[in-house]
């Protein structure tokens, strides 16, 4: 599997998924269902965006994703 894995393409798909979540329209629901949808969309966006922003490496069959969660002004 490691031989056929295109890490850059995988990360690009996660970035695309994050963008798609942001563009996803709200369904015609109200109240608690609406809030649950919004909460889930925010969680989905964060998950996809974190992976999409990762630096990835593949060594000896081990995929390592490195994510800098520090604020932009604290990054080196």
N, C-alpha and C. Protein backbone atom coordinates (compact mmCIF):
# COMPACT_ATOMS: atom_id res chain seq x y z
N UNK A 1 0.82 -1.19 0.00
CA UNK A 1 0.00 0.00 0.00
C UNK A 1 0.86 1.26 0.00
N UNK A 2 1.95 1.24 0.73
CA UNK A 2 2.80 2.42 0.82
C UNK A 2 3.36 2.82 -0.54
N UNK A 3 3.58 1.82 -1.40
CA UNK A 3 4.14 2.11 -2.73
C UNK A 3 3.17 2.90 -3.60
N UNK A 4 1.88 2.71 -3.40
CA UNK A 4 0.89 3.37 -4.25
C UNK A 4 0.28 4.61 -3.61
N UNK A 5 0.69 4.94 -2.41
CA UNK A 5 0.12 6.09 -1.70
C UNK A 5 0.71 7.39 -2.22
N UNK A 6 -0.14 8.26 -2.70
CA UNK A 6 0.27 9.60 -3.13
C UNK A 6 -0.09 10.56 -1.99
N UNK A 7 0.89 10.85 -1.15
CA UNK A 7 0.64 11.65 0.05
C UNK A 7 0.15 13.04 -0.30
N UNK A 8 0.76 13.68 -1.29
CA UNK A 8 0.33 15.03 -1.67
C UNK A 8 -1.12 15.03 -2.14
N UNK A 9 -1.51 14.02 -2.90
CA UNK A 9 -2.90 13.93 -3.36
C UNK A 9 -3.85 13.68 -2.19
N UNK A 10 -3.42 12.86 -1.24
CA UNK A 10 -4.25 12.59 -0.07
C UNK A 10 -4.49 13.88 0.72
N UNK A 11 -3.42 14.63 0.96
CA UNK A 11 -3.56 15.89 1.70
C UNK A 11 -4.42 16.88 0.93
N UNK A 12 -4.30 16.90 -0.39
CA UNK A 12 -5.14 17.78 -1.21
C UNK A 12 -6.61 17.40 -1.08
N UNK A 13 -6.90 16.10 -1.02
CA UNK A 13 -8.29 15.66 -0.85
C UNK A 13 -8.84 16.13 0.49
N UNK A 14 -8.03 16.10 1.53
CA UNK A 14 -8.50 16.58 2.83
C UNK A 14 -8.76 18.09 2.79
N UNK A 15 -7.90 18.84 2.09
CA UNK A 15 -8.14 20.28 1.94
C UNK A 15 -9.43 20.53 1.17
N UNK A 16 -9.66 19.72 0.13
CA UNK A 16 -10.90 19.86 -0.65
C UNK A 16 -12.12 19.53 0.20
N UNK A 17 -12.02 18.52 1.04
CA UNK A 17 -13.14 18.16 1.92
C UNK A 17 -13.42 19.27 2.92
N UNK A 18 -12.37 19.88 3.45
CA UNK A 18 -12.57 20.99 4.38
C UNK A 18 -13.30 22.13 3.69
N UNK A 19 -12.89 22.45 2.47
CA UNK A 19 -13.55 23.52 1.72
C UNK A 19 -15.00 23.15 1.42
N UNK A 20 -15.25 21.89 1.10
CA UNK A 20 -16.62 21.45 0.80
C UNK A 20 -17.52 21.57 2.02
N UNK A 21 -16.98 21.26 3.20
CA UNK A 21 -17.78 21.39 4.42
C UNK A 21 -18.16 22.85 4.64
N UNK A 22 -17.23 23.76 4.40
CA UNK A 22 -17.51 25.19 4.58
C UNK A 22 -18.59 25.67 3.61
N UNK A 23 -18.63 25.08 2.41
CA UNK A 23 -19.59 25.51 1.39
C UNK A 23 -20.93 24.77 1.50
N UNK A 24 -20.98 23.74 2.33
CA UNK A 24 -22.18 22.91 2.45
C UNK A 24 -23.36 23.76 2.94
N UNK A 25 -24.47 23.75 2.21
CA UNK A 25 -25.62 24.54 2.65
C UNK A 25 -26.30 23.89 3.86
N UNK A 26 -26.94 24.71 4.65
CA UNK A 26 -27.70 24.19 5.79
C UNK A 26 -28.97 23.53 5.28
N UNK A 27 -29.30 22.37 5.82
CA UNK A 27 -30.56 21.75 5.42
C UNK A 27 -31.73 22.50 6.05
N UNK A 28 -32.92 22.27 5.55
CA UNK A 28 -34.09 22.99 6.10
C UNK A 28 -34.53 22.40 7.44
N UNK A 29 -33.70 22.61 8.45
CA UNK A 29 -34.03 22.16 9.80
C UNK A 29 -33.93 23.35 10.74
N UNK A 30 -34.54 23.20 11.90
CA UNK A 30 -34.52 24.30 12.87
C UNK A 30 -34.23 23.75 14.26
N UNK A 31 -34.00 24.66 15.17
CA UNK A 31 -33.84 24.30 16.57
C UNK A 31 -32.62 23.45 16.84
N UNK A 32 -32.83 22.40 17.64
CA UNK A 32 -31.73 21.54 18.06
C UNK A 32 -31.08 20.82 16.88
N UNK A 33 -31.88 20.42 15.90
CA UNK A 33 -31.32 19.73 14.74
C UNK A 33 -30.39 20.65 13.96
N UNK A 34 -30.78 21.91 13.84
CA UNK A 34 -29.94 22.88 13.14
C UNK A 34 -28.61 23.06 13.87
N UNK A 35 -28.69 23.21 15.19
CA UNK A 35 -27.48 23.40 15.98
C UNK A 35 -26.59 22.17 15.90
N UNK A 36 -27.18 20.98 15.92
CA UNK A 36 -26.40 19.75 15.81
C UNK A 36 -25.69 19.68 14.46
N UNK A 37 -26.37 20.10 13.39
CA UNK A 37 -25.76 20.10 12.06
C UNK A 37 -24.59 21.07 12.02
N UNK A 38 -24.78 22.26 12.57
CA UNK A 38 -23.71 23.27 12.58
C UNK A 38 -22.52 22.79 13.40
N UNK A 39 -22.79 22.21 14.54
CA UNK A 39 -21.71 21.69 15.39
C UNK A 39 -20.92 20.60 14.67
N UNK A 40 -21.64 19.69 14.01
CA UNK A 40 -20.96 18.61 13.28
C UNK A 40 -20.17 19.16 12.11
N UNK A 41 -20.72 20.15 11.40
CA UNK A 41 -20.00 20.76 10.27
C UNK A 41 -18.71 21.42 10.75
N UNK A 42 -18.76 22.10 11.89
CA UNK A 42 -17.56 22.73 12.43
C UNK A 42 -16.51 21.69 12.80
N UNK A 43 -16.95 20.59 13.40
CA UNK A 43 -16.02 19.51 13.75
C UNK A 43 -15.42 18.88 12.50
N UNK A 44 -16.27 18.61 11.50
CA UNK A 44 -15.78 18.04 10.25
C UNK A 44 -14.76 18.95 9.60
N UNK A 45 -15.06 20.25 9.55
CA UNK A 45 -14.13 21.20 8.95
C UNK A 45 -12.79 21.17 9.67
N UNK A 46 -12.82 21.23 10.99
CA UNK A 46 -11.58 21.25 11.76
C UNK A 46 -10.77 19.98 11.51
N UNK A 47 -11.43 18.83 11.53
CA UNK A 47 -10.72 17.56 11.30
C UNK A 47 -10.07 17.53 9.92
N UNK A 48 -10.84 17.86 8.88
CA UNK A 48 -10.30 17.84 7.53
C UNK A 48 -9.21 18.89 7.34
N UNK A 49 -9.40 20.08 7.91
CA UNK A 49 -8.41 21.15 7.75
C UNK A 49 -7.10 20.80 8.45
N UNK A 50 -7.17 20.19 9.61
CA UNK A 50 -5.95 19.82 10.33
C UNK A 50 -5.13 18.83 9.51
N UNK A 51 -5.78 17.79 9.00
CA UNK A 51 -5.06 16.81 8.19
C UNK A 51 -4.57 17.45 6.90
N UNK A 52 -5.40 18.29 6.29
CA UNK A 52 -5.00 18.95 5.04
C UNK A 52 -3.80 19.86 5.20
N UNK A 53 -3.60 20.41 6.40
CA UNK A 53 -2.48 21.31 6.66
C UNK A 53 -1.22 20.58 7.14
N UNK A 54 -1.31 19.28 7.28
CA UNK A 54 -0.19 18.51 7.83
C UNK A 54 0.98 18.43 6.86
N UNK A 55 2.16 18.30 7.45
CA UNK A 55 3.35 17.92 6.69
C UNK A 55 3.45 16.41 6.84
N UNK A 56 3.62 15.71 5.75
CA UNK A 56 3.61 14.25 5.79
C UNK A 56 4.93 13.68 5.33
N UNK A 57 5.26 12.54 5.92
CA UNK A 57 6.43 11.79 5.47
C UNK A 57 6.10 10.31 5.55
N UNK A 58 6.73 9.55 4.69
CA UNK A 58 6.55 8.11 4.66
C UNK A 58 7.93 7.47 4.70
N UNK A 59 8.20 6.76 5.78
CA UNK A 59 9.50 6.11 5.94
C UNK A 59 9.30 4.70 6.48
N UNK A 60 9.86 3.73 5.80
CA UNK A 60 9.77 2.33 6.22
C UNK A 60 8.33 1.88 6.41
N UNK A 61 7.43 2.36 5.55
CA UNK A 61 6.03 1.96 5.61
C UNK A 61 5.22 2.66 6.68
N UNK A 62 5.79 3.66 7.34
CA UNK A 62 5.08 4.39 8.39
C UNK A 62 4.79 5.80 7.90
N UNK A 63 3.51 6.13 7.82
CA UNK A 63 3.08 7.47 7.43
C UNK A 63 3.02 8.32 8.69
N UNK A 64 3.75 9.43 8.67
CA UNK A 64 3.76 10.35 9.80
C UNK A 64 3.22 11.69 9.34
N UNK A 65 2.21 12.18 10.06
CA UNK A 65 1.65 13.50 9.79
C UNK A 65 2.07 14.41 10.93
N UNK A 66 2.63 15.54 10.58
CA UNK A 66 3.08 16.52 11.56
C UNK A 66 2.23 17.77 11.39
N UNK A 67 1.58 18.18 12.49
CA UNK A 67 0.68 19.32 12.44
C UNK A 67 1.12 20.34 13.49
N UNK A 68 1.41 21.54 13.04
CA UNK A 68 1.80 22.62 13.95
C UNK A 68 0.53 23.35 14.38
N UNK A 69 0.13 23.16 15.62
CA UNK A 69 -1.10 23.76 16.13
C UNK A 69 -0.87 25.09 16.84
N UNK A 70 0.38 25.55 16.80
CA UNK A 70 0.66 26.85 17.43
C UNK A 70 0.04 27.97 16.59
N UNK A 71 -0.24 29.11 17.22
CA UNK A 71 -0.74 30.26 16.45
C UNK A 71 0.28 30.65 15.38
N UNK A 72 -0.17 31.20 14.26
CA UNK A 72 0.75 31.54 13.16
C UNK A 72 1.94 32.40 13.59
N UNK A 73 1.74 33.32 14.52
CA UNK A 73 2.85 34.19 14.93
C UNK A 73 3.86 33.47 15.83
N UNK A 74 3.53 32.27 16.31
CA UNK A 74 4.45 31.52 17.17
C UNK A 74 5.19 30.43 16.41
N UNK A 75 4.89 30.28 15.13
CA UNK A 75 5.54 29.24 14.33
C UNK A 75 6.89 29.72 13.84
N UNK A 76 7.78 28.75 13.65
CA UNK A 76 9.13 29.11 13.18
C UNK A 76 9.23 29.06 11.69
